[in-house]
PDB file of N, CA and C in Angstrom:
ATOM      1  N   UNK A   1     -23.411 -16.475  70.748  1.00  0.00           N
ATOM      2  CA  UNK A   1     -22.901 -15.122  70.860  1.00  0.00           C
ATOM      3  C   UNK A   1     -22.940 -14.461  69.475  1.00  0.00           C
ATOM      4  N   UNK A   2     -23.470 -13.210  69.405  1.00  0.00           N
ATOM      5  CA  UNK A   2     -23.512 -12.530  68.109  1.00  0.00           C
ATOM      6  C   UNK A   2     -22.110 -12.191  67.617  1.00  0.00           C
ATOM      7  N   UNK A   3     -21.932 -12.028  66.299  1.00  0.00           N
ATOM      8  CA  UNK A   3     -20.610 -11.737  65.747  1.00  0.00           C
ATOM      9  C   UNK A   3     -20.094 -10.362  66.142  1.00  0.00           C
ATOM     10  N   UNK A   4     -20.954  -9.466  66.537  1.00  0.00           N
ATOM     11  CA  UNK A   4     -20.549  -8.128  66.975  1.00  0.00           C
ATOM     12  C   UNK A   4     -21.563  -7.653  68.009  1.00  0.00           C
ATOM     13  N   UNK A   5     -21.192  -6.652  68.815  1.00  0.00           N
ATOM     14  CA  UNK A   5     -22.130  -6.186  69.836  1.00  0.00           C
ATOM     15  C   UNK A   5     -23.370  -5.590  69.192  1.00  0.00           C
ATOM     16  N   UNK A   6     -24.541  -5.907  69.729  1.00  0.00           N
ATOM     17  CA  UNK A   6     -25.745  -5.302  69.171  1.00  0.00           C
ATOM     18  C   UNK A   6     -25.738  -3.803  69.435  1.00  0.00           C
ATOM     19  N   UNK A   7     -26.361  -3.099  68.551  1.00  0.00           N
ATOM     20  CA  UNK A   7     -26.430  -1.655  68.706  1.00  0.00           C
ATOM     21  C   UNK A   7     -27.727  -1.234  69.358  1.00  0.00           C
ATOM     22  N   UNK A   8     -27.724  -0.007  69.834  1.00  0.00           N
ATOM     23  CA  UNK A   8     -28.922   0.562  70.436  1.00  0.00           C
ATOM     24  C   UNK A   8     -28.895   2.072  70.253  1.00  0.00           C
ATOM     25  N   UNK A   9     -30.073   2.633  70.208  1.00  0.00           N
ATOM     26  CA  UNK A   9     -30.243   4.079  70.127  1.00  0.00           C
ATOM     27  C   UNK A   9     -31.272   4.444  71.182  1.00  0.00           C
ATOM     28  N   UNK A  10     -30.988   5.499  71.933  1.00  0.00           N
ATOM     29  CA  UNK A  10     -31.989   5.979  72.885  1.00  0.00           C
ATOM     30  C   UNK A  10     -31.980   7.491  72.890  1.00  0.00           C
ATOM     31  N   UNK A  11     -33.089   8.050  73.313  1.00  0.00           N
ATOM     32  CA  UNK A  11     -33.290   9.492  73.326  1.00  0.00           C
ATOM     33  C   UNK A  11     -33.522   9.931  74.758  1.00  0.00           C
ATOM     34  N   UNK A  12     -32.808  10.980  75.173  1.00  0.00           N
ATOM     35  CA  UNK A  12     -32.961  11.516  76.529  1.00  0.00           C
ATOM     36  C   UNK A  12     -33.072  13.029  76.468  1.00  0.00           C
ATOM     37  N   UNK A  13     -33.792  13.570  77.432  1.00  0.00           N
ATOM     38  CA  UNK A  13     -33.871  15.020  77.551  1.00  0.00           C
ATOM     39  C   UNK A  13     -32.565  15.528  78.142  1.00  0.00           C
ATOM     40  N   UNK A  14     -31.998  16.555  77.523  1.00  0.00           N
ATOM     41  CA  UNK A  14     -30.790  17.196  78.022  1.00  0.00           C
ATOM     42  C   UNK A  14     -31.112  18.613  78.455  1.00  0.00           C
ATOM     43  N   UNK A  15     -30.120  19.328  78.932  1.00  0.00           N
ATOM     44  CA  UNK A  15     -30.317  20.692  79.414  1.00  0.00           C
ATOM     45  C   UNK A  15     -30.809  21.630  78.313  1.00  0.00           C
ATOM     46  N   UNK A  16     -30.319  21.441  77.092  1.00  0.00           N
ATOM     47  CA  UNK A  16     -30.654  22.349  75.989  1.00  0.00           C
ATOM     48  C   UNK A  16     -31.598  21.750  74.960  1.00  0.00           C
ATOM     49  N   UNK A  17     -31.995  20.513  75.136  1.00  0.00           N
ATOM     50  CA  UNK A  17     -32.852  19.834  74.172  1.00  0.00           C
ATOM     51  C   UNK A  17     -32.618  18.336  74.249  1.00  0.00           C
ATOM     52  N   UNK A  18     -33.056  17.639  73.241  1.00  0.00           N
ATOM     53  CA  UNK A  18     -32.951  16.184  73.239  1.00  0.00           C
ATOM     54  C   UNK A  18     -31.568  15.729  72.793  1.00  0.00           C
ATOM     55  N   UNK A  19     -31.106  14.636  73.404  1.00  0.00           N
ATOM     56  CA  UNK A  19     -29.810  14.054  73.074  1.00  0.00           C
ATOM     57  C   UNK A  19     -30.044  12.617  72.611  1.00  0.00           C
ATOM     58  N   UNK A  20     -29.541  12.312  71.430  1.00  0.00           N
ATOM     59  CA  UNK A  20     -29.612  10.962  70.879  1.00  0.00           C
ATOM     60  C   UNK A  20     -28.343  10.225  71.287  1.00  0.00           C
ATOM     61  N   UNK A  21     -28.486   9.088  71.972  1.00  0.00           N
ATOM     62  CA  UNK A  21     -27.344   8.298  72.426  1.00  0.00           C
ATOM     63  C   UNK A  21     -27.194   7.059  71.545  1.00  0.00           C
ATOM     64  N   UNK A  22     -25.985   6.837  71.048  1.00  0.00           N
ATOM     65  CA  UNK A  22     -25.684   5.683  70.202  1.00  0.00           C
ATOM     66  C   UNK A  22     -24.813   4.710  70.981  1.00  0.00           C
ATOM     67  N   UNK A  23     -25.110   3.411  70.838  1.00  0.00           N
ATOM     68  CA  UNK A  23     -24.361   2.374  71.544  1.00  0.00           C
ATOM     69  C   UNK A  23     -24.031   1.227  70.591  1.00  0.00           C
ATOM     70  N   UNK A  24     -22.820   0.712  70.672  1.00  0.00           N
ATOM     71  CA  UNK A  24     -22.441  -0.481  69.915  1.00  0.00           C
ATOM     72  C   UNK A  24     -22.396  -0.261  68.422  1.00  0.00           C
ATOM     73  N   UNK A  25     -22.899  -1.243  67.713  1.00  0.00           N
ATOM     74  CA  UNK A  25     -22.893  -1.245  66.250  1.00  0.00           C
ATOM     75  C   UNK A  25     -24.203  -0.619  65.746  1.00  0.00           C
ATOM     76  N   UNK A  26     -24.119   0.583  65.212  1.00  0.00           N
ATOM     77  CA  UNK A  26     -25.313   1.266  64.702  1.00  0.00           C
ATOM     78  C   UNK A  26     -25.394   0.972  63.205  1.00  0.00           C
ATOM     79  N   UNK A  27     -26.142  -0.102  62.917  1.00  0.00           N
ATOM     80  CA  UNK A  27     -26.269  -0.585  61.544  1.00  0.00           C
ATOM     81  C   UNK A  27     -27.740  -0.601  61.153  1.00  0.00           C
ATOM     82  N   UNK A  28     -28.058  -1.207  60.018  1.00  0.00           N
ATOM     83  CA  UNK A  28     -29.437  -1.211  59.518  1.00  0.00           C
ATOM     84  C   UNK A  28     -30.408  -1.864  60.502  1.00  0.00           C
ATOM     85  N   UNK A  29     -29.986  -2.934  61.161  1.00  0.00           N
ATOM     86  CA  UNK A  29     -30.871  -3.602  62.124  1.00  0.00           C
ATOM     87  C   UNK A  29     -31.143  -2.702  63.330  1.00  0.00           C
ATOM     88  N   UNK A  30     -30.112  -2.009  63.790  1.00  0.00           N
ATOM     89  CA  UNK A  30     -30.271  -1.085  64.918  1.00  0.00           C
ATOM     90  C   UNK A  30     -31.211   0.052  64.544  1.00  0.00           C
ATOM     91  N   UNK A  31     -31.021   0.607  63.361  1.00  0.00           N
ATOM     92  CA  UNK A  31     -31.869   1.708  62.896  1.00  0.00           C
ATOM     93  C   UNK A  31     -33.311   1.233  62.739  1.00  0.00           C
ATOM     94  N   UNK A  32     -33.523   0.038  62.213  1.00  0.00           N
ATOM     95  CA  UNK A  32     -34.880  -0.502  62.060  1.00  0.00           C
ATOM     96  C   UNK A  32     -35.560  -0.643  63.422  1.00  0.00           C
ATOM     97  N   UNK A  33     -34.826  -1.131  64.437  1.00  0.00           N
ATOM     98  CA  UNK A  33     -35.397  -1.226  65.797  1.00  0.00           C
ATOM     99  C   UNK A  33     -35.753   0.154  66.325  1.00  0.00           C
ATOM    100  N   UNK A  34     -34.868   1.125  66.100  1.00  0.00           N
ATOM    101  CA  UNK A  34     -35.126   2.494  66.557  1.00  0.00           C
ATOM    102  C   UNK A  34     -36.380   3.050  65.892  1.00  0.00           C
ATOM    103  N   UNK A  35     -36.488   2.886  64.601  1.00  0.00           N
ATOM    104  CA  UNK A  35     -37.649   3.416  63.886  1.00  0.00           C
ATOM    105  C   UNK A  35     -38.944   2.752  64.349  1.00  0.00           C
ATOM    106  N   UNK A  36     -38.873   1.485  64.694  1.00  0.00           N
ATOM    107  CA  UNK A  36     -40.043   0.767  65.194  1.00  0.00           C
ATOM    108  C   UNK A  36     -40.423   1.211  66.613  1.00  0.00           C
ATOM    109  N   UNK A  37     -39.402   1.419  67.456  1.00  0.00           N
ATOM    110  CA  UNK A  37     -39.635   1.656  68.882  1.00  0.00           C
ATOM    111  C   UNK A  37     -39.430   3.100  69.327  1.00  0.00           C
ATOM    112  N   UNK A  38     -39.140   4.000  68.410  1.00  0.00           N
ATOM    113  CA  UNK A  38     -38.838   5.394  68.777  1.00  0.00           C
ATOM    114  C   UNK A  38     -39.966   5.987  69.607  1.00  0.00           C
ATOM    115  N   UNK A  39     -39.612   6.696  70.709  1.00  0.00           N
ATOM    116  CA  UNK A  39     -40.653   7.337  71.513  1.00  0.00           C
ATOM    117  C   UNK A  39     -41.411   8.369  70.684  1.00  0.00           C
ATOM    118  N   UNK A  40     -42.686   8.494  70.960  1.00  0.00           N
ATOM    119  CA  UNK A  40     -43.502   9.494  70.272  1.00  0.00           C
ATOM    120  C   UNK A  40     -43.042  10.888  70.683  1.00  0.00           C
ATOM    121  N   UNK A  41     -43.252  11.870  69.820  1.00  0.00           N
ATOM    122  CA  UNK A  41     -42.890  13.246  70.150  1.00  0.00           C
ATOM    123  C   UNK A  41     -43.547  13.642  71.461  1.00  0.00           C
ATOM    124  N   UNK A  42     -42.767  14.219  72.342  1.00  0.00           N
ATOM    125  CA  UNK A  42     -43.274  14.648  73.632  1.00  0.00           C
ATOM    126  C   UNK A  42     -43.135  13.616  74.734  1.00  0.00           C
ATOM    127  N   UNK A  43     -42.881  12.342  74.395  1.00  0.00           N
ATOM    128  CA  UNK A  43     -42.735  11.311  75.426  1.00  0.00           C
ATOM    129  C   UNK A  43     -41.438  11.471  76.219  1.00  0.00           C
ATOM    130  N   UNK A  44     -40.390  11.965  75.586  1.00  0.00           N
ATOM    131  CA  UNK A  44     -39.095  12.108  76.244  1.00  0.00           C
ATOM    132  C   UNK A  44     -38.889  13.555  76.681  1.00  0.00           C
ATOM    133  N   UNK A  45     -39.334  14.456  75.909  1.00  0.00           N
ATOM    134  CA  UNK A  45     -39.153  15.882  76.164  1.00  0.00           C
ATOM    135  C   UNK A  45     -39.534  16.643  74.919  1.00  0.00           C
ATOM    136  N   UNK A  46     -39.575  17.920  75.041  1.00  0.00           N
ATOM    137  CA  UNK A  46     -39.946  18.764  73.917  1.00  0.00           C
ATOM    138  C   UNK A  46     -38.707  19.235  73.178  1.00  0.00           C
ATOM    139  N   UNK A  47     -38.894  19.568  71.924  1.00  0.00           N
ATOM    140  CA  UNK A  47     -37.814  20.146  71.155  1.00  0.00           C
ATOM    141  C   UNK A  47     -37.169  19.167  70.205  1.00  0.00           C
ATOM    142  N   UNK A  48     -36.112  19.662  69.597  1.00  0.00           N
ATOM    143  CA  UNK A  48     -35.390  18.905  68.585  1.00  0.00           C
ATOM    144  C   UNK A  48     -34.180  18.210  69.197  1.00  0.00           C
ATOM    145  N   UNK A  49     -33.637  17.256  68.464  1.00  0.00           N
ATOM    146  CA  UNK A  49     -32.388  16.613  68.860  1.00  0.00           C
ATOM    147  C   UNK A  49     -31.273  17.624  68.615  1.00  0.00           C
ATOM    148  N   UNK A  50     -30.653  18.084  69.708  1.00  0.00           N
ATOM    149  CA  UNK A  50     -29.608  19.107  69.625  1.00  0.00           C
ATOM    150  C   UNK A  50     -28.209  18.507  69.704  1.00  0.00           C
ATOM    151  N   UNK A  51     -28.125  17.232  70.092  1.00  0.00           N
ATOM    152  CA  UNK A  51     -26.813  16.602  70.225  1.00  0.00           C
ATOM    153  C   UNK A  51     -26.930  15.100  70.030  1.00  0.00           C
ATOM    154  N   UNK A  52     -25.829  14.524  69.564  1.00  0.00           N
ATOM    155  CA  UNK A  52     -25.698  13.075  69.429  1.00  0.00           C
ATOM    156  C   UNK A  52     -24.497  12.670  70.271  1.00  0.00           C
ATOM    157  N   UNK A  53     -24.742  11.814  71.259  1.00  0.00           N
ATOM    158  CA  UNK A  53     -23.654  11.285  72.073  1.00  0.00           C
ATOM    159  C   UNK A  53     -23.224   9.958  71.448  1.00  0.00           C
ATOM    160  N   UNK A  54     -22.072   9.980  70.799  1.00  0.00           N
ATOM    161  CA  UNK A  54     -21.570   8.794  70.097  1.00  0.00           C
ATOM    162  C   UNK A  54     -20.445   8.121  70.868  1.00  0.00           C
ATOM    163  N   UNK A  55     -20.284   8.453  72.146  1.00  0.00           N
ATOM    164  CA  UNK A  55     -19.153   7.946  72.918  1.00  0.00           C
ATOM    165  C   UNK A  55     -19.170   6.428  73.106  1.00  0.00           C
ATOM    166  N   UNK A  56     -20.340   5.814  73.020  1.00  0.00           N
ATOM    167  CA  UNK A  56     -20.444   4.360  73.207  1.00  0.00           C
ATOM    168  C   UNK A  56     -20.646   3.617  71.892  1.00  0.00           C
ATOM    169  N   UNK A  57     -20.568   4.310  70.774  1.00  0.00           N
ATOM    170  CA  UNK A  57     -20.754   3.681  69.457  1.00  0.00           C
ATOM    171  C   UNK A  57     -19.402   3.242  68.908  1.00  0.00           C
ATOM    172  N   UNK A  58     -19.330   1.997  68.483  1.00  0.00           N
ATOM    173  CA  UNK A  58     -18.087   1.492  67.910  1.00  0.00           C
ATOM    174  C   UNK A  58     -18.094   1.433  66.399  1.00  0.00           C
ATOM    175  N   UNK A  59     -19.293   1.493  65.812  1.00  0.00           N
ATOM    176  CA  UNK A  59     -19.417   1.330  64.360  1.00  0.00           C
ATOM    177  C   UNK A  59     -20.669   2.056  63.904  1.00  0.00           C
ATOM    178  N   UNK A  60     -20.605   2.624  62.717  1.00  0.00           N
ATOM    179  CA  UNK A  60     -21.729   3.333  62.121  1.00  0.00           C
ATOM    180  C   UNK A  60     -21.699   3.054  60.632  1.00  0.00           C
ATOM    181  N   UNK A  61     -22.782   2.498  60.081  1.00  0.00           N
ATOM    182  CA  UNK A  61     -22.809   2.299  58.633  1.00  0.00           C
ATOM    183  C   UNK A  61     -23.719   3.351  57.995  1.00  0.00           C
ATOM    184  N   UNK A  62     -24.026   3.203  56.719  1.00  0.00           N
ATOM    185  CA  UNK A  62     -24.795   4.228  56.016  1.00  0.00           C
ATOM    186  C   UNK A  62     -26.184   4.426  56.609  1.00  0.00           C
ATOM    187  N   UNK A  63     -26.792   3.377  57.123  1.00  0.00           N
ATOM    188  CA  UNK A  63     -28.103   3.526  57.774  1.00  0.00           C
ATOM    189  C   UNK A  63     -27.963   4.376  59.033  1.00  0.00           C
ATOM    190  N   UNK A  64     -26.881   4.187  59.774  1.00  0.00           N
ATOM    191  CA  UNK A  64     -26.626   4.998  60.959  1.00  0.00           C
ATOM    192  C   UNK A  64     -26.357   6.451  60.612  1.00  0.00           C
ATOM    193  N   UNK A  65     -25.611   6.675  59.543  1.00  0.00           N
ATOM    194  CA  UNK A  65     -25.342   8.044  59.086  1.00  0.00           C
ATOM    195  C   UNK A  65     -26.661   8.731  58.723  1.00  0.00           C
ATOM    196  N   UNK A  66     -27.500   8.036  57.974  1.00  0.00           N
ATOM    197  CA  UNK A  66     -28.802   8.606  57.585  1.00  0.00           C
ATOM    198  C   UNK A  66     -29.655   8.919  58.817  1.00  0.00           C
ATOM    199  N   UNK A  67     -29.591   8.057  59.823  1.00  0.00           N
ATOM    200  CA  UNK A  67     -30.329   8.298  61.063  1.00  0.00           C
ATOM    201  C   UNK A  67     -29.872   9.597  61.723  1.00  0.00           C
ATOM    202  N   UNK A  68     -28.565   9.802  61.833  1.00  0.00           N
ATOM    203  CA  UNK A  68     -28.049  11.025  62.454  1.00  0.00           C
ATOM    204  C   UNK A  68     -28.509  12.268  61.710  1.00  0.00           C
ATOM    205  N   UNK A  69     -28.432  12.232  60.397  1.00  0.00           N
ATOM    206  CA  UNK A  69     -28.846  13.382  59.593  1.00  0.00           C
ATOM    207  C   UNK A  69     -30.342  13.639  59.776  1.00  0.00           C
ATOM    208  N   UNK A  70     -31.132  12.599  59.699  1.00  0.00           N
ATOM    209  CA  UNK A  70     -32.595  12.716  59.802  1.00  0.00           C
ATOM    210  C   UNK A  70     -33.025  13.219  61.184  1.00  0.00           C
ATOM    211  N   UNK A  71     -32.453  12.664  62.234  1.00  0.00           N
ATOM    212  CA  UNK A  71     -32.886  13.017  63.591  1.00  0.00           C
ATOM    213  C   UNK A  71     -32.459  14.429  63.998  1.00  0.00           C
ATOM    214  N   UNK A  72     -31.390  14.940  63.411  1.00  0.00           N
ATOM    215  CA  UNK A  72     -30.922  16.281  63.775  1.00  0.00           C
ATOM    216  C   UNK A  72     -31.368  17.364  62.794  1.00  0.00           C
ATOM    217  N   UNK A  73     -32.021  16.986  61.729  1.00  0.00           N
ATOM    218  CA  UNK A  73     -32.450  17.947  60.709  1.00  0.00           C
ATOM    219  C   UNK A  73     -33.374  19.049  61.259  1.00  0.00           C
ATOM    220  N   UNK A  74     -34.355  18.740  62.110  1.00  0.00           N
ATOM    221  CA  UNK A  74     -35.214  19.825  62.627  1.00  0.00           C
ATOM    222  C   UNK A  74     -34.417  20.915  63.361  1.00  0.00           C
ATOM    223  N   UNK A  75     -33.376  20.539  64.086  1.00  0.00           N
ATOM    224  CA  UNK A  75     -32.551  21.532  64.787  1.00  0.00           C
ATOM    225  C   UNK A  75     -31.822  22.417  63.785  1.00  0.00           C
ATOM    226  N   UNK A  76     -31.299  21.816  62.717  1.00  0.00           N
ATOM    227  CA  UNK A  76     -30.622  22.608  61.679  1.00  0.00           C
ATOM    228  C   UNK A  76     -31.608  23.531  60.974  1.00  0.00           C
ATOM    229  N   UNK A  77     -32.799  23.034  60.678  1.00  0.00           N
ATOM    230  CA  UNK A  77     -33.810  23.875  60.010  1.00  0.00           C
ATOM    231  C   UNK A  77     -34.191  25.083  60.867  1.00  0.00           C
ATOM    232  N   UNK A  78     -34.118  24.922  62.184  1.00  0.00           N
ATOM    233  CA  UNK A  78     -34.437  26.017  63.106  1.00  0.00           C
ATOM    234  C   UNK A  78     -33.245  26.949  63.323  1.00  0.00           C
ATOM    235  N   UNK A  79     -32.146  26.703  62.607  1.00  0.00           N
ATOM    236  CA  UNK A  79     -30.985  27.571  62.695  1.00  0.00           C
ATOM    237  C   UNK A  79     -29.901  27.088  63.643  1.00  0.00           C
ATOM    238  N   UNK A  80     -30.084  25.916  64.239  1.00  0.00           N
ATOM    239  CA  UNK A  80     -29.093  25.377  65.165  1.00  0.00           C
ATOM    240  C   UNK A  80     -28.054  24.526  64.463  1.00  0.00           C
ATOM    241  N   UNK A  81     -27.060  24.183  65.208  1.00  0.00           N
ATOM    242  CA  UNK A  81     -26.009  23.287  64.712  1.00  0.00           C
ATOM    243  C   UNK A  81     -25.814  22.215  65.779  1.00  0.00           C
ATOM    244  N   UNK A  82     -26.233  20.975  65.508  1.00  0.00           N
ATOM    245  CA  UNK A  82     -26.150  19.927  66.519  1.00  0.00           C
ATOM    246  C   UNK A  82     -24.711  19.558  66.858  1.00  0.00           C
ATOM    247  N   UNK A  83     -24.521  19.115  68.092  1.00  0.00           N
ATOM    248  CA  UNK A  83     -23.223  18.627  68.541  1.00  0.00           C
ATOM    249  C   UNK A  83     -23.111  17.134  68.299  1.00  0.00           C
ATOM    250  N   UNK A  84     -21.919  16.696  67.958  1.00  0.00           N
ATOM    251  CA  UNK A  84     -21.581  15.281  67.913  1.00  0.00           C
ATOM    252  C   UNK A  84     -20.579  15.079  69.035  1.00  0.00           C
ATOM    253  N   UNK A  85     -21.002  14.395  70.090  1.00  0.00           N
ATOM    254  CA  UNK A  85     -20.198  14.291  71.303  1.00  0.00           C
ATOM    255  C   UNK A  85     -19.379  13.010  71.355  1.00  0.00           C
ATOM    256  N   UNK A  86     -18.080  13.174  71.531  1.00  0.00           N
ATOM    257  CA  UNK A  86     -17.112  12.099  71.768  1.00  0.00           C
ATOM    258  C   UNK A  86     -17.227  10.907  70.816  1.00  0.00           C
ATOM    259  N   UNK A  87     -17.222  11.156  69.509  1.00  0.00           N
ATOM    260  CA  UNK A  87     -17.255  10.013  68.583  1.00  0.00           C
ATOM    261  C   UNK A  87     -15.938   9.251  68.602  1.00  0.00           C
ATOM    262  N   UNK A  88     -16.019   7.946  68.389  1.00  0.00           N
ATOM    263  CA  UNK A  88     -14.797   7.153  68.260  1.00  0.00           C
ATOM    264  C   UNK A  88     -14.105   7.534  66.950  1.00  0.00           C
ATOM    265  N   UNK A  89     -12.873   7.129  66.826  1.00  0.00           N
ATOM    266  CA  UNK A  89     -12.110   7.410  65.602  1.00  0.00           C
ATOM    267  C   UNK A  89     -12.823   6.819  64.384  1.00  0.00           C
ATOM    268  N   UNK A  90     -13.347   5.583  64.529  1.00  0.00           N
ATOM    269  CA  UNK A  90     -14.023   4.930  63.409  1.00  0.00           C
ATOM    270  C   UNK A  90     -15.300   5.638  63.004  1.00  0.00           C
ATOM    271  N   UNK A  91     -16.100   6.043  63.979  1.00  0.00           N
ATOM    272  CA  UNK A  91     -17.347   6.766  63.677  1.00  0.00           C
ATOM    273  C   UNK A  91     -17.019   8.093  63.007  1.00  0.00           C
ATOM    274  N   UNK A  92     -16.048   8.806  63.537  1.00  0.00           N
ATOM    275  CA  UNK A  92     -15.665  10.087  62.953  1.00  0.00           C
ATOM    276  C   UNK A  92     -15.148   9.914  61.528  1.00  0.00           C
ATOM    277  N   UNK A  93     -14.405   8.850  61.278  1.00  0.00           N
ATOM    278  CA  UNK A  93     -13.897   8.601  59.932  1.00  0.00           C
ATOM    279  C   UNK A  93     -15.045   8.364  58.949  1.00  0.00           C
ATOM    280  N   UNK A  94     -16.049   7.587  59.348  1.00  0.00           N
ATOM    281  CA  UNK A  94     -17.209   7.352  58.472  1.00  0.00           C
ATOM    282  C   UNK A  94     -17.908   8.669  58.161  1.00  0.00           C
ATOM    283  N   UNK A  95     -18.091   9.501  59.164  1.00  0.00           N
ATOM    284  CA  UNK A  95     -18.769  10.784  58.945  1.00  0.00           C
ATOM    285  C   UNK A  95     -17.942  11.721  58.074  1.00  0.00           C
ATOM    286  N   UNK A  96     -16.625  11.652  58.199  1.00  0.00           N
ATOM    287  CA  UNK A  96     -15.773  12.457  57.317  1.00  0.00           C
ATOM    288  C   UNK A  96     -15.844  11.950  55.877  1.00  0.00           C
ATOM    289  N   UNK A  97     -15.755  10.642  55.699  1.00  0.00           N
ATOM    290  CA  UNK A  97     -15.778  10.066  54.350  1.00  0.00           C
ATOM    291  C   UNK A  97     -17.091  10.325  53.631  1.00  0.00           C
ATOM    292  N   UNK A  98     -18.186  10.365  54.381  1.00  0.00           N
ATOM    293  CA  UNK A  98     -19.495  10.600  53.767  1.00  0.00           C
ATOM    294  C   UNK A  98     -19.807  12.083  53.627  1.00  0.00           C
ATOM    295  N   UNK A  99     -18.949  12.948  54.159  1.00  0.00           N
ATOM    296  CA  UNK A  99     -19.168  14.389  54.058  1.00  0.00           C
ATOM    297  C   UNK A  99     -20.183  14.923  55.048  1.00  0.00           C
ATOM    298  N   UNK A 100     -20.591  14.117  56.001  1.00  0.00           N
ATOM    299  CA  UNK A 100     -21.636  14.502  56.950  1.00  0.00           C
ATOM    300  C   UNK A 100     -21.064  15.217  58.166  1.00  0.00           C
ATOM    301  N   UNK A 101     -19.796  15.037  58.459  1.00  0.00           N
ATOM    302  CA  UNK A 101     -19.218  15.611  59.678  1.00  0.00           C
ATOM    303  C   UNK A 101     -19.409  17.126  59.729  1.00  0.00           C
ATOM    304  N   UNK A 102     -19.454  17.770  58.590  1.00  0.00           N
ATOM    305  CA  UNK A 102     -19.633  19.225  58.533  1.00  0.00           C
ATOM    306  C   UNK A 102     -20.984  19.704  59.015  1.00  0.00           C
ATOM    307  N   UNK A 103     -21.927  18.795  59.201  1.00  0.00           N
ATOM    308  CA  UNK A 103     -23.244  19.175  59.705  1.00  0.00           C
ATOM    309  C   UNK A 103     -23.262  19.317  61.217  1.00  0.00           C
ATOM    310  N   UNK A 104     -22.167  18.944  61.885  1.00  0.00           N
ATOM    311  CA  UNK A 104     -22.109  18.889  63.343  1.00  0.00           C
ATOM    312  C   UNK A 104     -20.947  19.697  63.889  1.00  0.00           C
ATOM    313  N   UNK A 105     -21.111  20.179  65.113  1.00  0.00           N
ATOM    314  CA  UNK A 105     -19.988  20.657  65.897  1.00  0.00           C
ATOM    315  C   UNK A 105     -19.464  19.442  66.650  1.00  0.00           C
ATOM    316  N   UNK A 106     -18.242  19.030  66.378  1.00  0.00           N
ATOM    317  CA  UNK A 106     -17.676  17.838  66.996  1.00  0.00           C
ATOM    318  C   UNK A 106     -17.026  18.229  68.322  1.00  0.00           C
ATOM    319  N   UNK A 107     -17.463  17.568  69.386  1.00  0.00           N
ATOM    320  CA  UNK A 107     -16.937  17.800  70.732  1.00  0.00           C
ATOM    321  C   UNK A 107     -16.196  16.537  71.144  1.00  0.00           C
ATOM    322  N   UNK A 108     -14.903  16.650  71.388  1.00  0.00           N
ATOM    323  CA  UNK A 108     -14.105  15.455  71.666  1.00  0.00           C
ATOM    324  C   UNK A 108     -13.722  15.296  73.125  1.00  0.00           C
ATOM    325  N   UNK A 109     -14.009  16.262  73.964  1.00  0.00           N
ATOM    326  CA  UNK A 109     -13.629  16.120  75.390  1.00  0.00           C
ATOM    327  C   UNK A 109     -14.781  15.698  76.258  1.00  0.00           C
TER     328      UNK A 109
END
């Protein structure tokens, strides 16, 4: 049994654009798997990542923070403000401590 739950990242088409879903421990190994296996542009849907659903993420380290910033940057460059949906207290604390939380509209309901 692993010492902590493995993490996963997946991309889904949403009503307004792409949604990045985070699961478990989003650490360097999880990010490396995502970068290796990320769907090609257009395979999931068109457009930028407009939201991050963090409701199933229990942990986020600096590699995970960098992933969120990188994946949502095209939406910000186009004038949008990505949503961070239902982050856990721990994930939200990491984003606050790193100063990244201000890049997102945080939705807690």
